[in-house]
Amino acid sequence: MPAPCKSPGCKLEVPAPLAEAGFCVAHFTADIERACADFRRETAAKSPPAERLTEIEQYIAERGELLARTATSKLRLPDEMKSRILNTFLTLMNLRENLERSLGRAGRAH
């Protein structure tokens, strides 16, 4: 039996591909967008240590993979949700580029 979304007040069910995250598709994408905004602010202000950059890179890869599995699963998603998923992919890609710029400013290769 599908579990309810862990976002407060949400009554939607968590689809199977997002079981480990515990969110419905809408709240999963919103959570990624929020985290990416936080990461962008963090990397724009200063160049984080290599360990932190590795953590952010892992977040991008893991969330991107989970988002891809969700988008290509048997879920019937409305066009609005498909658009939201695509925008979230773009956000992850832009964050990755921001990390590369941050590394360039710091003058280190990763």
PDB file of N, CA and C in Angstrom:
ATOM      1  N   MET A   1       0.836  -1.173   0.000  1.00  0.00           N
ATOM      2  CA  MET A   1       0.000   0.000   0.000  1.00  0.00           C
ATOM      3  C   MET A   1       0.890   1.249   0.000  1.00  0.00           C
ATOM      4  N   PRO A   2       0.640   2.188  -0.923  1.00  0.00           N
ATOM      5  CA  PRO A   2       1.468   3.392  -0.990  1.00  0.00           C
ATOM      6  C   PRO A   2       1.341   4.232   0.285  1.00  0.00           C
ATOM      7  N   ALA A   3       2.441   4.838   0.671  1.00  0.00           N
ATOM      8  CA  ALA A   3       2.471   5.688   1.863  1.00  0.00           C
ATOM      9  C   ALA A   3       2.050   7.110   1.485  1.00  0.00           C
ATOM     10  N   PRO A   4       1.554   7.870   2.459  1.00  0.00           N
ATOM     11  CA  PRO A   4       1.231   9.269   2.183  1.00  0.00           C
ATOM     12  C   PRO A   4       2.512  10.103   2.113  1.00  0.00           C
ATOM     13  N   CYS A   5       2.460  11.181   1.375  1.00  0.00           N
ATOM     14  CA  CYS A   5       3.583  12.113   1.259  1.00  0.00           C
ATOM     15  C   CYS A   5       3.936  12.649   2.644  1.00  0.00           C
ATOM     16  N   LYS A   6       5.229  12.788   2.913  1.00  0.00           N
ATOM     17  CA  LYS A   6       5.660  13.257   4.226  1.00  0.00           C
ATOM     18  C   LYS A   6       5.636  14.775   4.359  1.00  0.00           C
ATOM     19  N   SER A   7       5.259  15.466   3.299  1.00  0.00           N
ATOM     20  CA  SER A   7       5.135  16.918   3.377  1.00  0.00           C
ATOM     21  C   SER A   7       3.896  17.262   4.203  1.00  0.00           C
ATOM     22  N   PRO A   8       4.043  18.120   5.206  1.00  0.00           N
ATOM     23  CA  PRO A   8       2.909  18.441   6.083  1.00  0.00           C
ATOM     24  C   PRO A   8       1.684  18.923   5.298  1.00  0.00           C
ATOM     25  N   GLY A   9       0.550  18.302   5.583  1.00  0.00           N
ATOM     26  CA  GLY A   9      -0.713  18.693   4.972  1.00  0.00           C
ATOM     27  C   GLY A   9      -1.003  18.062   3.623  1.00  0.00           C
ATOM     28  N   CYS A  10      -0.019  17.399   3.031  1.00  0.00           N
ATOM     29  CA  CYS A  10      -0.228  16.790   1.714  1.00  0.00           C
ATOM     30  C   CYS A  10      -0.949  15.449   1.892  1.00  0.00           C
ATOM     31  N   LYS A  11      -1.958  15.236   1.080  1.00  0.00           N
ATOM     32  CA  LYS A  11      -2.737  14.000   1.159  1.00  0.00           C
ATOM     33  C   LYS A  11      -2.450  13.069  -0.023  1.00  0.00           C
ATOM     34  N   LEU A  12      -1.493  13.444  -0.872  1.00  0.00           N
ATOM     35  CA  LEU A  12      -1.156  12.614  -2.021  1.00  0.00           C
ATOM     36  C   LEU A  12      -0.304  11.426  -1.592  1.00  0.00           C
ATOM     37  N   GLU A  13      -0.345  10.381  -2.402  1.00  0.00           N
ATOM     38  CA  GLU A  13       0.443   9.191  -2.122  1.00  0.00           C
ATOM     39  C   GLU A  13       1.831   9.323  -2.751  1.00  0.00           C
ATOM     40  N   VAL A  14       2.769   8.630  -2.160  1.00  0.00           N
ATOM     41  CA  VAL A  14       4.129   8.582  -2.682  1.00  0.00           C
ATOM     42  C   VAL A  14       4.184   7.483  -3.740  1.00  0.00           C
ATOM     43  N   PRO A  15       4.553   7.823  -4.977  1.00  0.00           N
ATOM     44  CA  PRO A  15       4.659   6.779  -6.000  1.00  0.00           C
ATOM     45  C   PRO A  15       5.863   5.871  -5.710  1.00  0.00           C
ATOM     46  N   ALA A  16       5.797   4.654  -6.180  1.00  0.00           N
ATOM     47  CA  ALA A  16       6.841   3.661  -5.905  1.00  0.00           C
ATOM     48  C   ALA A  16       8.260   4.159  -6.183  1.00  0.00           C
ATOM     49  N   PRO A  17       8.529   4.849  -7.307  1.00  0.00           N
ATOM     50  CA  PRO A  17       9.911   5.293  -7.550  1.00  0.00           C
ATOM     51  C   PRO A  17      10.427   6.277  -6.491  1.00  0.00           C
ATOM     52  N   LEU A  18       9.523   6.949  -5.783  1.00  0.00           N
ATOM     53  CA  LEU A  18       9.937   7.935  -4.784  1.00  0.00           C
ATOM     54  C   LEU A  18       9.778   7.441  -3.350  1.00  0.00           C
ATOM     55  N   ALA A  19       9.602   6.145  -3.184  1.00  0.00           N
ATOM     56  CA  ALA A  19       9.393   5.582  -1.850  1.00  0.00           C
ATOM     57  C   ALA A  19      10.519   5.947  -0.893  1.00  0.00           C
ATOM     58  N   GLU A  20      11.760   5.875  -1.364  1.00  0.00           N
ATOM     59  CA  GLU A  20      12.895   6.185  -0.481  1.00  0.00           C
ATOM     60  C   GLU A  20      12.917   7.660  -0.081  1.00  0.00           C
ATOM     61  N   ALA A  21      12.424   8.546  -0.935  1.00  0.00           N
ATOM     62  CA  ALA A  21      12.396   9.977  -0.626  1.00  0.00           C
ATOM     63  C   ALA A  21      11.208  10.326   0.263  1.00  0.00           C
ATOM     64  N   GLY A  22      10.100   9.600   0.097  1.00  0.00           N
ATOM     65  CA  GLY A  22       8.927   9.829   0.927  1.00  0.00           C
ATOM     66  C   GLY A  22       8.047  10.989   0.505  1.00  0.00           C
ATOM     67  N   PHE A  23       8.243  11.497  -0.701  1.00  0.00           N
ATOM     68  CA  PHE A  23       7.456  12.624  -1.193  1.00  0.00           C
ATOM     69  C   PHE A  23       6.631  12.237  -2.415  1.00  0.00           C
ATOM     70  N   CYS A  24       5.525  12.964  -2.619  1.00  0.00           N
ATOM     71  CA  CYS A  24       4.801  12.877  -3.883  1.00  0.00           C
ATOM     72  C   CYS A  24       5.670  13.591  -4.920  1.00  0.00           C
ATOM     73  N   VAL A  25       5.327  13.483  -6.190  1.00  0.00           N
ATOM     74  CA  VAL A  25       6.145  14.070  -7.248  1.00  0.00           C
ATOM     75  C   VAL A  25       6.266  15.585  -7.079  1.00  0.00           C
ATOM     76  N   ALA A  26       5.163  16.255  -6.790  1.00  0.00           N
ATOM     77  CA  ALA A  26       5.190  17.718  -6.653  1.00  0.00           C
ATOM     78  C   ALA A  26       6.105  18.161  -5.513  1.00  0.00           C
ATOM     79  N   HIS A  27       6.012  17.506  -4.383  1.00  0.00           N
ATOM     80  CA  HIS A  27       6.850  17.904  -3.253  1.00  0.00           C
ATOM     81  C   HIS A  27       8.296  17.453  -3.428  1.00  0.00           C
ATOM     82  N   PHE A  28       8.513  16.376  -4.158  1.00  0.00           N
ATOM     83  CA  PHE A  28       9.882  15.942  -4.442  1.00  0.00           C
ATOM     84  C   PHE A  28      10.584  16.984  -5.300  1.00  0.00           C
ATOM     85  N   THR A  29       9.907  17.450  -6.355  1.00  0.00           N
ATOM     86  CA  THR A  29      10.530  18.459  -7.210  1.00  0.00           C
ATOM     87  C   THR A  29      10.714  19.768  -6.446  1.00  0.00           C
ATOM     88  N   ALA A  30       9.751  20.140  -5.615  1.00  0.00           N
ATOM     89  CA  ALA A  30       9.879  21.371  -4.823  1.00  0.00           C
ATOM     90  C   ALA A  30      11.056  21.264  -3.851  1.00  0.00           C
ATOM     91  N   ASP A  31      11.261  20.088  -3.265  1.00  0.00           N
ATOM     92  CA  ASP A  31      12.378  19.881  -2.345  1.00  0.00           C
ATOM     93  C   ASP A  31      13.717  20.023  -3.071  1.00  0.00           C
ATOM     94  N   ILE A  32      13.803  19.489  -4.278  1.00  0.00           N
ATOM     95  CA  ILE A  32      15.029  19.625  -5.073  1.00  0.00           C
ATOM     96  C   ILE A  32      15.278  21.089  -5.405  1.00  0.00           C
ATOM     97  N   GLU A  33      14.243  21.792  -5.833  1.00  0.00           N
ATOM     98  CA  GLU A  33      14.385  23.208  -6.187  1.00  0.00           C
ATOM     99  C   GLU A  33      14.891  24.013  -4.987  1.00  0.00           C
ATOM    100  N   ARG A  34      14.343  23.751  -3.806  1.00  0.00           N
ATOM    101  CA  ARG A  34      14.761  24.458  -2.598  1.00  0.00           C
ATOM    102  C   ARG A  34      16.218  24.150  -2.270  1.00  0.00           C
ATOM    103  N   ALA A  35      16.579  22.875  -2.318  1.00  0.00           N
ATOM    104  CA  ALA A  35      17.955  22.477  -2.008  1.00  0.00           C
ATOM    105  C   ALA A  35      18.936  23.093  -2.999  1.00  0.00           C
ATOM    106  N   CYS A  36      18.575  23.107  -4.274  1.00  0.00           N
ATOM    107  CA  CYS A  36      19.462  23.684  -5.287  1.00  0.00           C
ATOM    108  C   CYS A  36      19.665  25.176  -5.055  1.00  0.00           C
ATOM    109  N   ALA A  37      18.610  25.882  -4.673  1.00  0.00           N
ATOM    110  CA  ALA A  37      18.733  27.311  -4.364  1.00  0.00           C
ATOM    111  C   ALA A  37      19.688  27.509  -3.182  1.00  0.00           C
ATOM    112  N   ASP A  38      19.563  26.664  -2.177  1.00  0.00           N
ATOM    113  CA  ASP A  38      20.465  26.741  -1.022  1.00  0.00           C
ATOM    114  C   ASP A  38      21.910  26.474  -1.443  1.00  0.00           C
ATOM    115  N   PHE A  39      22.118  25.466  -2.263  1.00  0.00           N
ATOM    116  CA  PHE A  39      23.470  25.133  -2.732  1.00  0.00           C
ATOM    117  C   PHE A  39      24.056  26.271  -3.571  1.00  0.00           C
ATOM    118  N   ARG A  40      23.233  26.877  -4.430  1.00  0.00           N
ATOM    119  CA  ARG A  40      23.718  27.994  -5.254  1.00  0.00           C
ATOM    120  C   ARG A  40      24.180  29.145  -4.379  1.00  0.00           C
ATOM    121  N   ARG A  41      23.395  29.485  -3.368  1.00  0.00           N
ATOM    122  CA  ARG A  41      23.793  30.555  -2.452  1.00  0.00           C
ATOM    123  C   ARG A  41      25.093  30.195  -1.737  1.00  0.00           C
ATOM    124  N   GLU A  42      25.203  28.960  -1.318  1.00  0.00           N
ATOM    125  CA  GLU A  42      26.390  28.510  -0.602  1.00  0.00           C
ATOM    126  C   GLU A  42      27.641  28.591  -1.476  1.00  0.00           C
ATOM    127  N   THR A  43      27.525  28.184  -2.724  1.00  0.00           N
ATOM    128  CA  THR A  43      28.701  28.173  -3.605  1.00  0.00           C
ATOM    129  C   THR A  43      28.990  29.539  -4.207  1.00  0.00           C
ATOM    130  N   ALA A  44      28.000  30.419  -4.254  1.00  0.00           N
ATOM    131  CA  ALA A  44      28.232  31.764  -4.796  1.00  0.00           C
ATOM    132  C   ALA A  44      28.960  32.634  -3.782  1.00  0.00           C
ATOM    133  N   ALA A  45      28.669  32.454  -2.510  1.00  0.00           N
ATOM    134  CA  ALA A  45      29.258  33.274  -1.462  1.00  0.00           C
ATOM    135  C   ALA A  45      30.743  32.976  -1.275  1.00  0.00           C
ATOM    136  N   LYS A  46      31.096  31.722  -1.348  1.00  0.00           N
ATOM    137  CA  LYS A  46      32.487  31.310  -1.151  1.00  0.00           C
ATOM    138  C   LYS A  46      32.679  29.957  -1.808  1.00  0.00           C
ATOM    139  N   SER A  47      33.898  29.600  -1.988  1.00  0.00           N
ATOM    140  CA  SER A  47      34.174  28.285  -2.551  1.00  0.00           C
ATOM    141  C   SER A  47      34.238  27.279  -1.404  1.00  0.00           C
ATOM    142  N   PRO A  48      33.255  26.368  -1.338  1.00  0.00           N
ATOM    143  CA  PRO A  48      33.241  25.388  -0.248  1.00  0.00           C
ATOM    144  C   PRO A  48      34.424  24.419  -0.344  1.00  0.00           C
ATOM    145  N   PRO A  49      34.725  23.761   0.758  1.00  0.00           N
ATOM    146  CA  PRO A  49      35.791  22.742   0.729  1.00  0.00           C
ATOM    147  C   PRO A  49      35.441  21.610  -0.242  1.00  0.00           C
ATOM    148  N   ALA A  50      36.468  20.913  -0.674  1.00  0.00           N
ATOM    149  CA  ALA A  50      36.294  19.832  -1.648  1.00  0.00           C
ATOM    150  C   ALA A  50      35.285  18.788  -1.171  1.00  0.00           C
ATOM    151  N   GLU A  51      35.283  18.494   0.118  1.00  0.00           N
ATOM    152  CA  GLU A  51      34.349  17.488   0.639  1.00  0.00           C
ATOM    153  C   GLU A  51      32.904  17.942   0.442  1.00  0.00           C
ATOM    154  N   ARG A  52      32.662  19.228   0.665  1.00  0.00           N
ATOM    155  CA  ARG A  52      31.302  19.757   0.500  1.00  0.00           C
ATOM    156  C   ARG A  52      30.902  19.734  -0.967  1.00  0.00           C
ATOM    157  N   LEU A  53      31.817  20.084  -1.844  1.00  0.00           N
ATOM    158  CA  LEU A  53      31.517  20.038  -3.278  1.00  0.00           C
ATOM    159  C   LEU A  53      31.184  18.613  -3.710  1.00  0.00           C
ATOM    160  N   THR A  54      31.888  17.649  -3.169  1.00  0.00           N
ATOM    161  CA  THR A  54      31.605  16.243  -3.471  1.00  0.00           C
ATOM    162  C   THR A  54      30.204  15.867  -2.993  1.00  0.00           C
ATOM    163  N   GLU A  55      29.818  16.330  -1.807  1.00  0.00           N
ATOM    164  CA  GLU A  55      28.469  16.059  -1.303  1.00  0.00           C
ATOM    165  C   GLU A  55      27.402  16.641  -2.230  1.00  0.00           C
ATOM    166  N   ILE A  56      27.633  17.863  -2.688  1.00  0.00           N
ATOM    167  CA  ILE A  56      26.668  18.506  -3.584  1.00  0.00           C
ATOM    168  C   ILE A  56      26.598  17.759  -4.912  1.00  0.00           C
ATOM    169  N   GLU A  57      27.748  17.353  -5.439  1.00  0.00           N
ATOM    170  CA  GLU A  57      27.767  16.583  -6.688  1.00  0.00           C
ATOM    171  C   GLU A  57      26.999  15.272  -6.531  1.00  0.00           C
ATOM    172  N   GLN A  58      27.163  14.614  -5.398  1.00  0.00           N
ATOM    173  CA  GLN A  58      26.444  13.371  -5.148  1.00  0.00           C
ATOM    174  C   GLN A  58      24.942  13.618  -5.063  1.00  0.00           C
ATOM    175  N   TYR A  59      24.553  14.716  -4.435  1.00  0.00           N
ATOM    176  CA  TYR A  59      23.137  15.075  -4.352  1.00  0.00           C
ATOM    177  C   TYR A  59      22.566  15.249  -5.762  1.00  0.00           C
ATOM    178  N   ILE A  60      23.281  15.978  -6.607  1.00  0.00           N
ATOM    179  CA  ILE A  60      22.820  16.203  -7.976  1.00  0.00           C
ATOM    180  C   ILE A  60      22.636  14.876  -8.699  1.00  0.00           C
ATOM    181  N   ALA A  61      23.620  14.001  -8.612  1.00  0.00           N
ATOM    182  CA  ALA A  61      23.557  12.710  -9.307  1.00  0.00           C
ATOM    183  C   ALA A  61      22.421  11.835  -8.765  1.00  0.00           C
ATOM    184  N   GLU A  62      22.311  11.751  -7.449  1.00  0.00           N
ATOM    185  CA  GLU A  62      21.285  10.890  -6.852  1.00  0.00           C
ATOM    186  C   GLU A  62      19.880  11.402  -7.144  1.00  0.00           C
ATOM    187  N   ARG A  63      19.673  12.699  -6.986  1.00  0.00           N
ATOM    188  CA  ARG A  63      18.337  13.257  -7.237  1.00  0.00           C
ATOM    189  C   ARG A  63      17.998  13.216  -8.719  1.00  0.00           C
ATOM    190  N   GLY A  64      18.983  13.444  -9.567  1.00  0.00           N
ATOM    191  CA  GLY A  64      18.740  13.359 -11.003  1.00  0.00           C
ATOM    192  C   GLY A  64      18.343  11.951 -11.428  1.00  0.00           C
ATOM    193  N   GLU A  65      19.025  10.968 -10.869  1.00  0.00           N
ATOM    194  CA  GLU A  65      18.700   9.571 -11.180  1.00  0.00           C
ATOM    195  C   GLU A  65      17.301   9.207 -10.694  1.00  0.00           C
ATOM    196  N   LEU A  66      16.979   9.608  -9.489  1.00  0.00           N
ATOM    197  CA  LEU A  66      15.657   9.315  -8.928  1.00  0.00           C
ATOM    198  C   LEU A  66      14.559  10.030  -9.716  1.00  0.00           C
ATOM    199  N   LEU A  67      14.831  11.254 -10.119  1.00  0.00           N
ATOM    200  CA  LEU A  67      13.876  12.001 -10.924  1.00  0.00           C
ATOM    201  C   LEU A  67      13.681  11.327 -12.284  1.00  0.00           C
ATOM    202  N   ALA A  68      14.767  10.851 -12.878  1.00  0.00           N
ATOM    203  CA  ALA A  68      14.668  10.159 -14.164  1.00  0.00           C
ATOM    204  C   ALA A  68      13.869   8.866 -14.042  1.00  0.00           C
ATOM    205  N   ARG A  69      14.113   8.104 -12.972  1.00  0.00           N
ATOM    206  CA  ARG A  69      13.346   6.872 -12.772  1.00  0.00           C
ATOM    207  C   ARG A  69      11.865   7.165 -12.598  1.00  0.00           C
ATOM    208  N   THR A  70      11.567   8.249 -11.915  1.00  0.00           N
ATOM    209  CA  THR A  70      10.168   8.638 -11.708  1.00  0.00           C
ATOM    210  C   THR A  70       9.525   9.054 -13.020  1.00  0.00           C
ATOM    211  N   ALA A  71      10.231   9.882 -13.773  1.00  0.00           N
ATOM    212  CA  ALA A  71       9.687  10.411 -15.032  1.00  0.00           C
ATOM    213  C   ALA A  71       9.466   9.318 -16.073  1.00  0.00           C
ATOM    214  N   THR A  72      10.281   8.276 -16.034  1.00  0.00           N
ATOM    215  CA  THR A  72      10.169   7.223 -17.042  1.00  0.00           C
ATOM    216  C   THR A  72       9.447   5.983 -16.523  1.00  0.00           C
ATOM    217  N   SER A  73       8.870   6.090 -15.335  1.00  0.00           N
ATOM    218  CA  SER A  73       8.115   4.965 -14.788  1.00  0.00           C
ATOM    219  C   SER A  73       6.738   4.902 -15.444  1.00  0.00           C
ATOM    220  N   LYS A  74       5.921   4.004 -14.957  1.00  0.00           N
ATOM    221  CA  LYS A  74       4.580   3.823 -15.518  1.00  0.00           C
ATOM    222  C   LYS A  74       3.568   4.822 -14.967  1.00  0.00           C
ATOM    223  N   LEU A  75       4.037   5.815 -14.210  1.00  0.00           N
ATOM    224  CA  LEU A  75       3.124   6.825 -13.679  1.00  0.00           C
ATOM    225  C   LEU A  75       2.480   7.608 -14.818  1.00  0.00           C
ATOM    226  N   ARG A  76       1.230   7.898 -14.667  1.00  0.00           N
ATOM    227  CA  ARG A  76       0.537   8.763 -15.624  1.00  0.00           C
ATOM    228  C   ARG A  76       0.590  10.172 -15.044  1.00  0.00           C
ATOM    229  N   LEU A  77       1.452  10.978 -15.607  1.00  0.00           N
ATOM    230  CA  LEU A  77       1.643  12.327 -15.096  1.00  0.00           C
ATOM    231  C   LEU A  77       0.986  13.348 -16.023  1.00  0.00           C
ATOM    232  N   PRO A  78       0.306  14.343 -15.448  1.00  0.00           N
ATOM    233  CA  PRO A  78      -0.261  15.391 -16.289  1.00  0.00           C
ATOM    234  C   PRO A  78       0.869  16.224 -16.908  1.00  0.00           C
ATOM    235  N   ASP A  79       0.561  16.906 -18.008  1.00  0.00           N
ATOM    236  CA  ASP A  79       1.565  17.703 -18.703  1.00  0.00           C
ATOM    237  C   ASP A  79       2.222  18.734 -17.790  1.00  0.00           C
ATOM    238  N   GLU A  80       1.452  19.308 -16.886  1.00  0.00           N
ATOM    239  CA  GLU A  80       1.998  20.299 -15.951  1.00  0.00           C
ATOM    240  C   GLU A  80       3.095  19.671 -15.087  1.00  0.00           C
ATOM    241  N   MET A  81       2.881  18.439 -14.648  1.00  0.00           N
ATOM    242  CA  MET A  81       3.878  17.763 -13.816  1.00  0.00           C
ATOM    243  C   MET A  81       5.096  17.368 -14.652  1.00  0.00           C
ATOM    244  N   LYS A  82       4.874  16.963 -15.885  1.00  0.00           N
ATOM    245  CA  LYS A  82       6.002  16.652 -16.775  1.00  0.00           C
ATOM    246  C   LYS A  82       6.867  17.891 -16.972  1.00  0.00           C
ATOM    247  N   SER A  83       6.220  19.023 -17.150  1.00  0.00           N
ATOM    248  CA  SER A  83       6.943  20.281 -17.312  1.00  0.00           C
ATOM    249  C   SER A  83       7.737  20.615 -16.051  1.00  0.00           C
ATOM    250  N   ARG A  84       7.135  20.390 -14.915  1.00  0.00           N
ATOM    251  CA  ARG A  84       7.812  20.656 -13.641  1.00  0.00           C
ATOM    252  C   ARG A  84       9.039  19.762 -13.485  1.00  0.00           C
ATOM    253  N   ILE A  85       8.910  18.505 -13.878  1.00  0.00           N
ATOM    254  CA  ILE A  85      10.043  17.573 -13.806  1.00  0.00           C
ATOM    255  C   ILE A  85      11.168  18.046 -14.720  1.00  0.00           C
ATOM    256  N   LEU A  86      10.823  18.461 -15.943  1.00  0.00           N
ATOM    257  CA  LEU A  86      11.846  18.955 -16.866  1.00  0.00           C
ATOM    258  C   LEU A  86      12.531  20.199 -16.312  1.00  0.00           C
ATOM    259  N   ASN A  87      11.778  21.094 -15.712  1.00  0.00           N
ATOM    260  CA  ASN A  87      12.363  22.291 -15.113  1.00  0.00           C
ATOM    261  C   ASN A  87      13.288  21.936 -13.950  1.00  0.00           C
ATOM    262  N   THR A  88      12.929  20.892 -13.217  1.00  0.00           N
ATOM    263  CA  THR A  88      13.771  20.468 -12.104  1.00  0.00           C
ATOM    264  C   THR A  88      15.078  19.867 -12.617  1.00  0.00           C
ATOM    265  N   PHE A  89      15.014  19.141 -13.731  1.00  0.00           N
ATOM    266  CA  PHE A  89      16.247  18.656 -14.364  1.00  0.00           C
ATOM    267  C   PHE A  89      17.132  19.836 -14.756  1.00  0.00           C
ATOM    268  N   LEU A  90      16.539  20.863 -15.325  1.00  0.00           N
ATOM    269  CA  LEU A  90      17.285  22.048 -15.716  1.00  0.00           C
ATOM    270  C   LEU A  90      17.927  22.705 -14.494  1.00  0.00           C
ATOM    271  N   THR A  91      17.217  22.751 -13.399  1.00  0.00           N
ATOM    272  CA  THR A  91      17.766  23.310 -12.163  1.00  0.00           C
ATOM    273  C   THR A  91      18.982  22.520 -11.703  1.00  0.00           C
ATOM    274  N   LEU A  92      18.898  21.194 -11.759  1.00  0.00           N
ATOM    275  CA  LEU A  92      20.041  20.356 -11.382  1.00  0.00           C
ATOM    276  C   LEU A  92      21.226  20.588 -12.314  1.00  0.00           C
ATOM    277  N   MET A  93      20.956  20.716 -13.599  1.00  0.00           N
ATOM    278  CA  MET A  93      22.021  20.964 -14.570  1.00  0.00           C
ATOM    279  C   MET A  93      22.676  22.327 -14.329  1.00  0.00           C
ATOM    280  N   ASN A  94      21.869  23.336 -14.049  1.00  0.00           N
ATOM    281  CA  ASN A  94      22.407  24.671 -13.776  1.00  0.00           C
ATOM    282  C   ASN A  94      23.247  24.684 -12.508  1.00  0.00           C
ATOM    283  N   LEU A  95      22.812  23.951 -11.496  1.00  0.00           N
ATOM    284  CA  LEU A  95      23.598  23.850 -10.272  1.00  0.00           C
ATOM    285  C   LEU A  95      24.948  23.217 -10.574  1.00  0.00           C
ATOM    286  N   ARG A  96      24.950  22.202 -11.399  1.00  0.00           N
ATOM    287  CA  ARG A  96      26.211  21.538 -11.773  1.00  0.00           C
ATOM    288  C   ARG A  96      27.151  22.533 -12.436  1.00  0.00           C
ATOM    289  N   GLU A  97      26.608  23.368 -13.329  1.00  0.00           N
ATOM    290  CA  GLU A  97      27.427  24.396 -13.980  1.00  0.00           C
ATOM    291  C   GLU A  97      27.940  25.405 -12.959  1.00  0.00           C
ATOM    292  N   ASN A  98      27.103  25.777 -12.000  1.00  0.00           N
ATOM    293  CA  ASN A  98      27.540  26.703 -10.952  1.00  0.00           C
ATOM    294  C   ASN A  98      28.693  26.118 -10.144  1.00  0.00           C
ATOM    295  N   LEU A  99      28.636  24.820  -9.896  1.00  0.00           N
ATOM    296  CA  LEU A  99      29.740  24.173  -9.177  1.00  0.00           C
ATOM    297  C   LEU A  99      31.031  24.263  -9.978  1.00  0.00           C
ATOM    298  N   GLU A 100      30.922  24.054 -11.285  1.00  0.00           N
ATOM    299  CA  GLU A 100      32.109  24.128 -12.145  1.00  0.00           C
ATOM    300  C   GLU A 100      32.694  25.538 -12.107  1.00  0.00           C
ATOM    301  N   ARG A 101      31.841  26.561 -12.140  1.00  0.00           N
ATOM    302  CA  ARG A 101      32.316  27.949 -12.062  1.00  0.00           C
ATOM    303  C   ARG A 101      32.974  28.197 -10.705  1.00  0.00           C
ATOM    304  N   SER A 102      32.383  27.656  -9.656  1.00  0.00           N
ATOM    305  CA  SER A 102      32.949  27.809  -8.318  1.00  0.00           C
ATOM    306  C   SER A 102      34.341  27.184  -8.252  1.00  0.00           C
ATOM    307  N   LEU A 103      34.485  26.026  -8.853  1.00  0.00           N
ATOM    308  CA  LEU A 103      35.787  25.368  -8.889  1.00  0.00           C
ATOM    309  C   LEU A 103      36.785  26.198  -9.695  1.00  0.00           C
ATOM    310  N   GLY A 104      36.314  26.798 -10.785  1.00  0.00           N
ATOM    311  CA  GLY A 104      37.185  27.629 -11.600  1.00  0.00           C
ATOM    312  C   GLY A 104      37.664  28.860 -10.846  1.00  0.00           C
ATOM    313  N   ARG A 105      36.770  29.469 -10.075  1.00  0.00           N
ATOM    314  CA  ARG A 105      37.148  30.636  -9.276  1.00  0.00           C
ATOM    315  C   ARG A 105      38.178  30.253  -8.227  1.00  0.00           C
ATOM    316  N   ALA A 106      38.036  29.069  -7.711  1.00  0.00           N
ATOM    317  CA  ALA A 106      38.953  28.618  -6.664  1.00  0.00           C
ATOM    318  C   ALA A 106      40.284  28.148  -7.258  1.00  0.00           C
ATOM    319  N   GLY A 107      40.291  27.976  -8.578  1.00  0.00           N
ATOM    320  CA  GLY A 107      41.528  27.550  -9.248  1.00  0.00           C
ATOM    321  C   GLY A 107      41.932  26.120  -8.966  1.00  0.00           C
ATOM    322  N   ARG A 108      40.918  25.265  -8.767  1.00  0.00           N
ATOM    323  CA  ARG A 108      41.245  23.861  -8.515  1.00  0.00           C
ATOM    324  C   ARG A 108      40.430  22.975  -9.459  1.00  0.00           C
ATOM    325  N   ALA A 109      40.988  21.865  -9.776  1.00  0.00           N
ATOM    326  CA  ALA A 109      40.292  20.884 -10.619  1.00  0.00           C
ATOM    327  C   ALA A 109      39.629  19.876  -9.716  1.00  0.00           C
ATOM    328  N   HIS A 110      38.497  19.372 -10.178  1.00  0.00           N
ATOM    329  CA  HIS A 110      37.770  18.378  -9.383  1.00  0.00           C
ATOM    330  C   HIS A 110      37.388  17.221 -10.227  1.00  0.00           C
TER     331      HIS A 110
END
